[in-house]
Amino acid sequence: AWPIGLAYAVVWLGMLAATRISSLGGLC
């Protein structure tokens, strides 16, 4: 479902941008 994927992307990219830690973004 695209809304789930969008939420996933927002969290992943948001955490990646905030921390620059790939694993943390993926885990979140």
PDB file of all heavy atoms in Angstrom:
ATOM      1  N   ALA A   1       0.869  -1.185   0.000  1.00  0.00           N
ATOM      2  CA  ALA A   1       0.000   0.000   0.000  1.00  0.00           C
ATOM      3  C   ALA A   1       0.901   1.229   0.000  1.00  0.00           C
ATOM      4  O   ALA A   1       1.708   1.402   0.924  1.00  0.00           O
ATOM      5  CB  ALA A   1      -0.906   0.004   1.223  1.00  0.00           C
ATOM      6  N   TRP A   2       0.775   2.077  -0.984  1.00  0.00           N
ATOM      7  CA  TRP A   2       1.681   3.211  -1.116  1.00  0.00           C
ATOM      8  C   TRP A   2       1.733   4.094   0.125  1.00  0.00           C
ATOM      9  O   TRP A   2       2.808   4.631   0.436  1.00  0.00           O
ATOM     10  CB  TRP A   2       1.419   4.013  -2.390  1.00  0.00           C
ATOM     11  CG  TRP A   2       0.157   4.821  -2.379  1.00  0.00           C
ATOM     12  CD1 TRP A   2      -1.043   4.474  -2.910  1.00  0.00           C
ATOM     13  CD2 TRP A   2      -0.016   6.121  -1.812  1.00  0.00           C
ATOM     14  NE1 TRP A   2      -1.957   5.465  -2.690  1.00  0.00           N
ATOM     15  CE2 TRP A   2      -1.352   6.490  -2.020  1.00  0.00           C
ATOM     16  CE3 TRP A   2       0.818   7.009  -1.143  1.00  0.00           C
ATOM     17  CZ2 TRP A   2      -1.867   7.705  -1.576  1.00  0.00           C
ATOM     18  CZ3 TRP A   2       0.308   8.224  -0.696  1.00  0.00           C
ATOM     19  CH2 TRP A   2      -1.019   8.564  -0.929  1.00  0.00           C
ATOM     20  N   PRO A   3       0.617   4.296   0.884  1.00  0.00           N
ATOM     21  CA  PRO A   3       0.761   5.120   2.088  1.00  0.00           C
ATOM     22  C   PRO A   3       1.722   4.501   3.128  1.00  0.00           C
ATOM     23  O   PRO A   3       2.429   5.236   3.821  1.00  0.00           O
ATOM     24  CB  PRO A   3      -0.661   5.202   2.645  1.00  0.00           C
ATOM     25  CG  PRO A   3      -1.547   4.988   1.456  1.00  0.00           C
ATOM     26  CD  PRO A   3      -0.809   3.979   0.637  1.00  0.00           C
ATOM     27  N   ILE A   4       1.771   3.183   3.203  1.00  0.00           N
ATOM     28  CA  ILE A   4       2.714   2.529   4.116  1.00  0.00           C
ATOM     29  C   ILE A   4       4.134   2.786   3.617  1.00  0.00           C
ATOM     30  O   ILE A   4       5.030   3.137   4.395  1.00  0.00           O
ATOM     31  CB  ILE A   4       2.449   1.009   4.216  1.00  0.00           C
ATOM     32  CG1 ILE A   4       1.044   0.720   4.720  1.00  0.00           C
ATOM     33  CG2 ILE A   4       3.488   0.345   5.129  1.00  0.00           C
ATOM     34  CD1 ILE A   4       0.645  -0.753   4.607  1.00  0.00           C
ATOM     35  N   GLY A   5       4.335   2.624   2.330  1.00  0.00           N
ATOM     36  CA  GLY A   5       5.646   2.885   1.747  1.00  0.00           C
ATOM     37  C   GLY A   5       6.081   4.322   1.914  1.00  0.00           C
ATOM     38  O   GLY A   5       7.255   4.602   2.182  1.00  0.00           O
ATOM     39  N   LEU A   6       5.132   5.251   1.795  1.00  0.00           N
ATOM     40  CA  LEU A   6       5.452   6.666   1.990  1.00  0.00           C
ATOM     41  C   LEU A   6       5.865   6.924   3.441  1.00  0.00           C
ATOM     42  O   LEU A   6       6.853   7.623   3.699  1.00  0.00           O
ATOM     43  CB  LEU A   6       4.251   7.534   1.606  1.00  0.00           C
ATOM     44  CG  LEU A   6       4.446   9.042   1.757  1.00  0.00           C
ATOM     45  CD1 LEU A   6       5.590   9.538   0.878  1.00  0.00           C
ATOM     46  CD2 LEU A   6       3.151   9.772   1.410  1.00  0.00           C
ATOM     47  N   ALA A   7       5.127   6.359   4.392  1.00  0.00           N
ATOM     48  CA  ALA A   7       5.491   6.509   5.802  1.00  0.00           C
ATOM     49  C   ALA A   7       6.878   5.926   6.052  1.00  0.00           C
ATOM     50  O   ALA A   7       7.702   6.519   6.767  1.00  0.00           O
ATOM     51  CB  ALA A   7       4.456   5.828   6.694  1.00  0.00           C
ATOM     52  N   TYR A   8       7.144   4.765   5.483  1.00  0.00           N
ATOM     53  CA  TYR A   8       8.453   4.118   5.602  1.00  0.00           C
ATOM     54  C   TYR A   8       9.551   5.055   5.096  1.00  0.00           C
ATOM     55  O   TYR A   8      10.561   5.271   5.761  1.00  0.00           O
ATOM     56  CB  TYR A   8       8.435   2.818   4.794  1.00  0.00           C
ATOM     57  CG  TYR A   8       9.629   1.921   4.972  1.00  0.00           C
ATOM     58  CD1 TYR A   8       9.530   0.772   5.735  1.00  0.00           C
ATOM     59  CD2 TYR A   8      10.849   2.192   4.365  1.00  0.00           C
ATOM     60  CE1 TYR A   8      10.618  -0.091   5.889  1.00  0.00           C
ATOM     61  CE2 TYR A   8      11.931   1.344   4.514  1.00  0.00           C
ATOM     62  CZ  TYR A   8      11.813   0.209   5.284  1.00  0.00           C
ATOM     63  OH  TYR A   8      12.875  -0.630   5.439  1.00  0.00           O
ATOM     64  N   ALA A   9       9.345   5.605   3.899  1.00  0.00           N
ATOM     65  CA  ALA A   9      10.344   6.486   3.292  1.00  0.00           C
ATOM     66  C   ALA A   9      10.577   7.740   4.124  1.00  0.00           C
ATOM     67  O   ALA A   9      11.722   8.163   4.315  1.00  0.00           O
ATOM     68  CB  ALA A   9       9.916   6.860   1.873  1.00  0.00           C
ATOM     69  N   VAL A  10       9.509   8.322   4.636  1.00  0.00           N
ATOM     70  CA  VAL A  10       9.634   9.541   5.445  1.00  0.00           C
ATOM     71  C   VAL A  10      10.448   9.269   6.709  1.00  0.00           C
ATOM     72  O   VAL A  10      11.351  10.028   7.061  1.00  0.00           O
ATOM     73  CB  VAL A  10       8.242  10.128   5.774  1.00  0.00           C
ATOM     74  CG1 VAL A  10       8.329  11.187   6.861  1.00  0.00           C
ATOM     75  CG2 VAL A  10       7.600  10.693   4.517  1.00  0.00           C
ATOM     76  N   VAL A  11      10.145   8.161   7.383  1.00  0.00           N
ATOM     77  CA  VAL A  11      10.888   7.820   8.597  1.00  0.00           C
ATOM     78  C   VAL A  11      12.341   7.504   8.250  1.00  0.00           C
ATOM     79  O   VAL A  11      13.273   8.003   8.901  1.00  0.00           O
ATOM     80  CB  VAL A  11      10.213   6.648   9.347  1.00  0.00           C
ATOM     81  CG1 VAL A  11      11.095   6.146  10.487  1.00  0.00           C
ATOM     82  CG2 VAL A  11       8.845   7.074   9.876  1.00  0.00           C
ATOM     83  N   TRP A  12      12.561   6.680   7.241  1.00  0.00           N
ATOM     84  CA  TRP A  12      13.914   6.278   6.855  1.00  0.00           C
ATOM     85  C   TRP A  12      14.760   7.495   6.482  1.00  0.00           C
ATOM     86  O   TRP A  12      15.842   7.721   7.036  1.00  0.00           O
ATOM     87  CB  TRP A  12      13.831   5.299   5.699  1.00  0.00           C
ATOM     88  CG  TRP A  12      15.118   4.644   5.295  1.00  0.00           C
ATOM     89  CD1 TRP A  12      16.316   4.633   5.963  1.00  0.00           C
ATOM     90  CD2 TRP A  12      15.342   3.891   4.102  1.00  0.00           C
ATOM     91  NE1 TRP A  12      17.238   3.903   5.262  1.00  0.00           N
ATOM     92  CE2 TRP A  12      16.674   3.431   4.119  1.00  0.00           C
ATOM     93  CE3 TRP A  12      14.525   3.529   3.037  1.00  0.00           C
ATOM     94  CZ2 TRP A  12      17.217   2.655   3.101  1.00  0.00           C
ATOM     95  CZ3 TRP A  12      15.069   2.742   2.025  1.00  0.00           C
ATOM     96  CH2 TRP A  12      16.398   2.315   2.060  1.00  0.00           C
ATOM     97  N   LEU A  13      14.257   8.290   5.556  1.00  0.00           N
ATOM     98  CA  LEU A  13      15.013   9.445   5.088  1.00  0.00           C
ATOM     99  C   LEU A  13      15.138  10.518   6.169  1.00  0.00           C
ATOM    100  O   LEU A  13      16.180  11.174   6.273  1.00  0.00           O
ATOM    101  CB  LEU A  13      14.374  10.011   3.823  1.00  0.00           C
ATOM    102  CG  LEU A  13      14.411   9.066   2.618  1.00  0.00           C
ATOM    103  CD1 LEU A  13      13.631   9.653   1.450  1.00  0.00           C
ATOM    104  CD2 LEU A  13      15.844   8.746   2.218  1.00  0.00           C
ATOM    105  N   GLY A  14      14.095  10.673   6.966  1.00  0.00           N
ATOM    106  CA  GLY A  14      14.153  11.649   8.060  1.00  0.00           C
ATOM    107  C   GLY A  14      15.219  11.306   9.080  1.00  0.00           C
ATOM    108  O   GLY A  14      16.024  12.159   9.487  1.00  0.00           O
ATOM    109  N   MET A  15      15.266  10.049   9.495  1.00  0.00           N
ATOM    110  CA  MET A  15      16.283   9.620  10.460  1.00  0.00           C
ATOM    111  C   MET A  15      17.671   9.650   9.834  1.00  0.00           C
ATOM    112  O   MET A  15      18.650  10.008  10.505  1.00  0.00           O
ATOM    113  CB  MET A  15      15.974   8.221  10.993  1.00  0.00           C
ATOM    114  CG  MET A  15      14.837   8.182  11.976  1.00  0.00           C
ATOM    115  SD  MET A  15      15.072   9.260  13.414  1.00  0.00           S
ATOM    116  CE  MET A  15      16.462   8.467  14.201  1.00  0.00           C
ATOM    117  N   LEU A  16      17.765   9.292   8.577  1.00  0.00           N
ATOM    118  CA  LEU A  16      19.047   9.332   7.892  1.00  0.00           C
ATOM    119  C   LEU A  16      19.566  10.769   7.797  1.00  0.00           C
ATOM    120  O   LEU A  16      20.744  11.036   8.059  1.00  0.00           O
ATOM    121  CB  LEU A  16      18.907   8.708   6.505  1.00  0.00           C
ATOM    122  CG  LEU A  16      20.181   8.413   5.736  1.00  0.00           C
ATOM    123  CD1 LEU A  16      21.114   7.508   6.530  1.00  0.00           C
ATOM    124  CD2 LEU A  16      19.837   7.755   4.413  1.00  0.00           C
ATOM    125  N   ALA A  17      18.686  11.696   7.461  1.00  0.00           N
ATOM    126  CA  ALA A  17      19.080  13.103   7.372  1.00  0.00           C
ATOM    127  C   ALA A  17      19.467  13.660   8.747  1.00  0.00           C
ATOM    128  O   ALA A  17      20.419  14.429   8.864  1.00  0.00           O
ATOM    129  CB  ALA A  17      17.943  13.930   6.770  1.00  0.00           C
ATOM    130  N   ALA A  18      18.737  13.257   9.772  1.00  0.00           N
ATOM    131  CA  ALA A  18      18.999  13.787  11.118  1.00  0.00           C
ATOM    132  C   ALA A  18      20.266  13.219  11.744  1.00  0.00           C
ATOM    133  O   ALA A  18      20.967  13.921  12.473  1.00  0.00           O
ATOM    134  CB  ALA A  18      17.804  13.505  12.028  1.00  0.00           C
ATOM    135  N   THR A  19      20.571  11.940  11.462  1.00  0.00           N
ATOM    136  CA  THR A  19      21.682  11.290  12.162  1.00  0.00           C
ATOM    137  C   THR A  19      22.846  10.884  11.262  1.00  0.00           C
ATOM    138  O   THR A  19      23.927  10.653  11.777  1.00  0.00           O
ATOM    139  CB  THR A  19      21.197  10.013  12.874  1.00  0.00           C
ATOM    140  OG1 THR A  19      20.794   9.042  11.901  1.00  0.00           O
ATOM    141  CG2 THR A  19      20.056  10.316  13.835  1.00  0.00           C
ATOM    142  N   ARG A  20      22.599  10.730   9.953  1.00  0.00           N
ATOM    143  CA  ARG A  20      23.572  10.198   8.996  1.00  0.00           C
ATOM    144  C   ARG A  20      24.008   8.785   9.361  1.00  0.00           C
ATOM    145  O   ARG A  20      25.088   8.348   8.990  1.00  0.00           O
ATOM    146  CB  ARG A  20      24.773  11.135   8.855  1.00  0.00           C
ATOM    147  CG  ARG A  20      24.435  12.445   8.159  1.00  0.00           C
ATOM    148  CD  ARG A  20      25.621  13.345   7.851  1.00  0.00           C
ATOM    149  NE  ARG A  20      26.930  12.733   7.892  1.00  0.00           N
ATOM    150  CZ  ARG A  20      27.882  13.017   8.809  1.00  0.00           C
ATOM    151  NH1 ARG A  20      27.643  13.894   9.760  1.00  0.00           N
ATOM    152  NH2 ARG A  20      29.063  12.425   8.759  1.00  0.00           N
ATOM    153  N   ILE A  21      23.163   8.066  10.090  1.00  0.00           N
ATOM    154  CA  ILE A  21      23.463   6.684  10.445  1.00  0.00           C
ATOM    155  C   ILE A  21      22.474   5.793   9.705  1.00  0.00           C
ATOM    156  O   ILE A  21      21.291   5.743  10.026  1.00  0.00           O
ATOM    157  CB  ILE A  21      23.376   6.453  11.972  1.00  0.00           C
ATOM    158  CG1 ILE A  21      24.347   7.381  12.708  1.00  0.00           C
ATOM    159  CG2 ILE A  21      23.653   4.994  12.306  1.00  0.00           C
ATOM    160  CD1 ILE A  21      24.251   7.310  14.220  1.00  0.00           C
ATOM    161  N   SER A  22      22.992   5.077   8.712  1.00  0.00           N
ATOM    162  CA  SER A  22      22.153   4.262   7.843  1.00  0.00           C
ATOM    163  C   SER A  22      21.346   3.224   8.615  1.00  0.00           C
ATOM    164  O   SER A  22      20.142   3.075   8.394  1.00  0.00           O
ATOM    165  CB  SER A  22      23.016   3.573   6.783  1.00  0.00           C
ATOM    166  OG  SER A  22      22.225   2.764   5.953  1.00  0.00           O
ATOM    167  N   SER A  23      21.994   2.504   9.500  1.00  0.00           N
ATOM    168  CA  SER A  23      21.298   1.440  10.228  1.00  0.00           C
ATOM    169  C   SER A  23      20.168   1.991  11.093  1.00  0.00           C
ATOM    170  O   SER A  23      19.105   1.384  11.176  1.00  0.00           O
ATOM    171  CB  SER A  23      22.277   0.635  11.093  1.00  0.00           C
ATOM    172  OG  SER A  23      22.878   1.471  12.071  1.00  0.00           O
ATOM    173  N   LEU A  24      20.385   3.127  11.715  1.00  0.00           N
ATOM    174  CA  LEU A  24      19.347   3.713  12.570  1.00  0.00           C
ATOM    175  C   LEU A  24      18.131   4.131  11.747  1.00  0.00           C
ATOM    176  O   LEU A  24      16.988   3.874  12.133  1.00  0.00           O
ATOM    177  CB  LEU A  24      19.902   4.903  13.355  1.00  0.00           C
ATOM    178  CG  LEU A  24      18.960   5.543  14.359  1.00  0.00           C
ATOM    179  CD1 LEU A  24      18.496   4.529  15.409  1.00  0.00           C
ATOM    180  CD2 LEU A  24      19.638   6.730  15.037  1.00  0.00           C
ATOM    181  N   GLY A  25      18.380   4.727  10.587  1.00  0.00           N
ATOM    182  CA  GLY A  25      17.269   5.094   9.707  1.00  0.00           C
ATOM    183  C   GLY A  25      16.486   3.876   9.261  1.00  0.00           C
ATOM    184  O   GLY A  25      15.252   3.866   9.296  1.00  0.00           O
ATOM    185  N   GLY A  26      17.187   2.828   8.867  1.00  0.00           N
ATOM    186  CA  GLY A  26      16.520   1.596   8.431  1.00  0.00           C
ATOM    187  C   GLY A  26      15.751   0.928   9.557  1.00  0.00           C
ATOM    188  O   GLY A  26      14.621   0.463   9.355  1.00  0.00           O
ATOM    189  N   LEU A  27      16.346   0.859  10.734  1.00  0.00           N
ATOM    190  CA  LEU A  27      15.667   0.235  11.873  1.00  0.00           C
ATOM    191  C   LEU A  27      14.396   0.990  12.244  1.00  0.00           C
ATOM    192  O   LEU A  27      13.346   0.375  12.489  1.00  0.00           O
ATOM    193  CB  LEU A  27      16.610   0.145  13.075  1.00  0.00           C
ATOM    194  CG  LEU A  27      17.710  -0.905  12.961  1.00  0.00           C
ATOM    195  CD1 LEU A  27      18.791  -0.680  14.016  1.00  0.00           C
ATOM    196  CD2 LEU A  27      17.122  -2.305  13.080  1.00  0.00           C
ATOM    197  N   CYS A  28      14.482   2.307  12.284  1.00  0.00           N
ATOM    198  CA  CYS A  28      13.291   3.101  12.608  1.00  0.00           C
ATOM    199  C   CYS A  28      12.203   2.915  11.556  1.00  0.00           C
ATOM    200  O   CYS A  28      11.012   2.824  11.895  1.00  0.00           O
ATOM    201  CB  CYS A  28      13.661   4.573  12.751  1.00  0.00           C
ATOM    202  SG  CYS A  28      14.640   4.935  14.220  1.00  0.00           S
TER     203      CYS A  28
END
